[in-house]
Amino acid sequence: MLFKEIMNQQWQAGHQEGLLEGRIATLQEVIFESLEQYGTLPETLVSKIRNEKDESVLKSWRRTASKAASLEDFTKNM
């Protein structure tokens, strides 16, 4: 019984981690889609967005990207 409980807890933890990774990837893609109207993004910006793993930061950047009047506006306010 103990082994089964441990395996279930590990599965749950892995499942939750996978869900978080999916949410992070989705937020990153939404940011890129919002910014693509301004042309090719600088590699430094792409890397910064891809390397950010804090969901609350990405949510903030998503809101900023959706309101930005330009790429410069986004980078200034992120």
C-alpha atoms as a PDB file:
ATOM      1  CA  MET A   1       0.000   0.000   0.000  1.00  0.00           C
ATOM      2  CA  LEU A   2       2.788   2.437   0.865  1.00  0.00           C
ATOM      3  CA  PHE A   3       4.514   1.888  -2.481  1.00  0.00           C
ATOM      4  CA  LYS A   4       1.270   2.607  -4.324  1.00  0.00           C
ATOM      5  CA  GLU A   5       0.755   5.854  -2.358  1.00  0.00           C
ATOM      6  CA  ILE A   6       4.313   7.001  -3.074  1.00  0.00           C
ATOM      7  CA  MET A   7       3.905   6.255  -6.783  1.00  0.00           C
ATOM      8  CA  ASN A   8       0.609   8.138  -6.844  1.00  0.00           C
ATOM      9  CA  GLN A   9       2.183  11.162  -5.125  1.00  0.00           C
ATOM     10  CA  GLN A  10       5.060  11.146  -7.605  1.00  0.00           C
ATOM     11  CA  TRP A  11       2.647  10.898 -10.507  1.00  0.00           C
ATOM     12  CA  GLN A  12       0.602  13.800  -9.121  1.00  0.00           C
ATOM     13  CA  ALA A  13       3.719  15.941  -8.675  1.00  0.00           C
ATOM     14  CA  GLY A  14       4.858  15.171 -12.218  1.00  0.00           C
ATOM     15  CA  HIS A  15       1.398  15.895 -13.565  1.00  0.00           C
ATOM     16  CA  GLN A  16       1.269  19.271 -11.818  1.00  0.00           C
ATOM     17  CA  GLU A  17       4.749  20.134 -13.092  1.00  0.00           C
ATOM     18  CA  GLY A  18       3.683  19.229 -16.622  1.00  0.00           C
ATOM     19  CA  LEU A  19       0.603  21.419 -16.361  1.00  0.00           C
ATOM     20  CA  LEU A  20       2.715  24.363 -15.196  1.00  0.00           C
ATOM     21  CA  GLU A  21       5.173  23.853 -18.056  1.00  0.00           C
ATOM     22  CA  GLY A  22       2.231  23.849 -20.478  1.00  0.00           C
ATOM     23  CA  ARG A  23       0.829  27.085 -19.056  1.00  0.00           C
ATOM     24  CA  ILE A  24       4.247  28.730 -19.264  1.00  0.00           C
ATOM     25  CA  ALA A  25       4.732  27.644 -22.889  1.00  0.00           C
ATOM     26  CA  THR A  26       1.253  28.919 -23.775  1.00  0.00           C
ATOM     27  CA  LEU A  27       1.891  32.307 -22.157  1.00  0.00           C
ATOM     28  CA  GLN A  28       5.191  32.612 -24.015  1.00  0.00           C
ATOM     29  CA  GLU A  29       3.506  31.851 -27.337  1.00  0.00           C
ATOM     30  CA  VAL A  30       0.718  34.357 -26.675  1.00  0.00           C
ATOM     31  CA  ILE A  31       3.332  37.036 -25.990  1.00  0.00           C
ATOM     32  CA  PHE A  32       5.143  36.207 -29.228  1.00  0.00           C
ATOM     33  CA  GLU A  33       1.882  36.276 -31.177  1.00  0.00           C
ATOM     34  CA  SER A  34       1.001  39.672 -29.714  1.00  0.00           C
ATOM     35  CA  LEU A  35       4.389  41.077 -30.656  1.00  0.00           C
ATOM     36  CA  GLU A  36       4.749  39.551 -34.126  1.00  0.00           C
ATOM     37  CA  GLN A  37       2.839  42.483 -35.616  1.00  0.00           C
ATOM     38  CA  TYR A  38       5.965  44.571 -35.008  1.00  0.00           C
ATOM     39  CA  GLY A  39       8.185  42.350 -37.146  1.00  0.00           C
ATOM     40  CA  THR A  40      11.100  40.133 -36.263  1.00  0.00           C
ATOM     41  CA  LEU A  41      11.839  40.131 -32.560  1.00  0.00           C
ATOM     42  CA  PRO A  42      15.403  40.666 -31.371  1.00  0.00           C
ATOM     43  CA  GLU A  43      17.014  37.397 -30.278  1.00  0.00           C
ATOM     44  CA  THR A  44      17.769  38.893 -26.853  1.00  0.00           C
ATOM     45  CA  LEU A  45      14.057  39.518 -26.296  1.00  0.00           C
ATOM     46  CA  VAL A  46      13.091  36.057 -27.544  1.00  0.00           C
ATOM     47  CA  SER A  47      15.639  34.519 -25.165  1.00  0.00           C
ATOM     48  CA  LYS A  48      14.424  36.621 -22.252  1.00  0.00           C
ATOM     49  CA  ILE A  49      10.828  35.513 -22.801  1.00  0.00           C
ATOM     50  CA  ARG A  50      11.797  31.847 -23.377  1.00  0.00           C
ATOM     51  CA  ASN A  51      13.978  31.757 -20.264  1.00  0.00           C
ATOM     52  CA  GLU A  52      11.334  33.241 -17.961  1.00  0.00           C
ATOM     53  CA  LYS A  53       9.651  30.467 -15.972  1.00  0.00           C
ATOM     54  CA  ASP A  54       7.694  32.555 -13.459  1.00  0.00           C
ATOM     55  CA  GLU A  55       4.048  32.328 -14.447  1.00  0.00           C
ATOM     56  CA  SER A  56       3.107  35.630 -12.776  1.00  0.00           C
ATOM     57  CA  VAL A  57       5.849  37.490 -14.679  1.00  0.00           C
ATOM     58  CA  LEU A  58       4.692  35.967 -17.962  1.00  0.00           C
ATOM     59  CA  LYS A  59       1.089  36.935 -17.218  1.00  0.00           C
ATOM     60  CA  SER A  60       2.210  40.501 -16.635  1.00  0.00           C
ATOM     61  CA  TRP A  61       4.177  40.496 -19.882  1.00  0.00           C
ATOM     62  CA  ARG A  62       1.147  39.062 -21.715  1.00  0.00           C
ATOM     63  CA  ARG A  63      -0.974  42.001 -20.531  1.00  0.00           C
ATOM     64  CA  THR A  64       1.803  44.436 -21.445  1.00  0.00           C
ATOM     65  CA  ALA A  65       2.196  42.886 -24.907  1.00  0.00           C
ATOM     66  CA  SER A  66      -1.539  43.100 -25.598  1.00  0.00           C
ATOM     67  CA  LYS A  67      -1.565  46.833 -24.799  1.00  0.00           C
ATOM     68  CA  ALA A  68       1.794  47.802 -26.318  1.00  0.00           C
ATOM     69  CA  ALA A  69       1.756  50.383 -29.105  1.00  0.00           C
ATOM     70  CA  SER A  70       5.162  49.218 -30.340  1.00  0.00           C
ATOM     71  CA  LEU A  71       7.949  46.792 -29.585  1.00  0.00           C
ATOM     72  CA  GLU A  72       9.800  49.570 -27.820  1.00  0.00           C
ATOM     73  CA  ASP A  73       6.723  50.272 -25.719  1.00  0.00           C
ATOM     74  CA  PHE A  74       6.597  46.619 -24.701  1.00  0.00           C
ATOM     75  CA  THR A  75      10.277  46.378 -23.771  1.00  0.00           C
ATOM     76  CA  LYS A  76      10.111  49.635 -21.835  1.00  0.00           C
ATOM     77  CA  ASN A  77       7.107  48.450 -19.794  1.00  0.00           C
ATOM     78  CA  MET A  78       7.959  44.805 -19.271  1.00  0.00           C
END
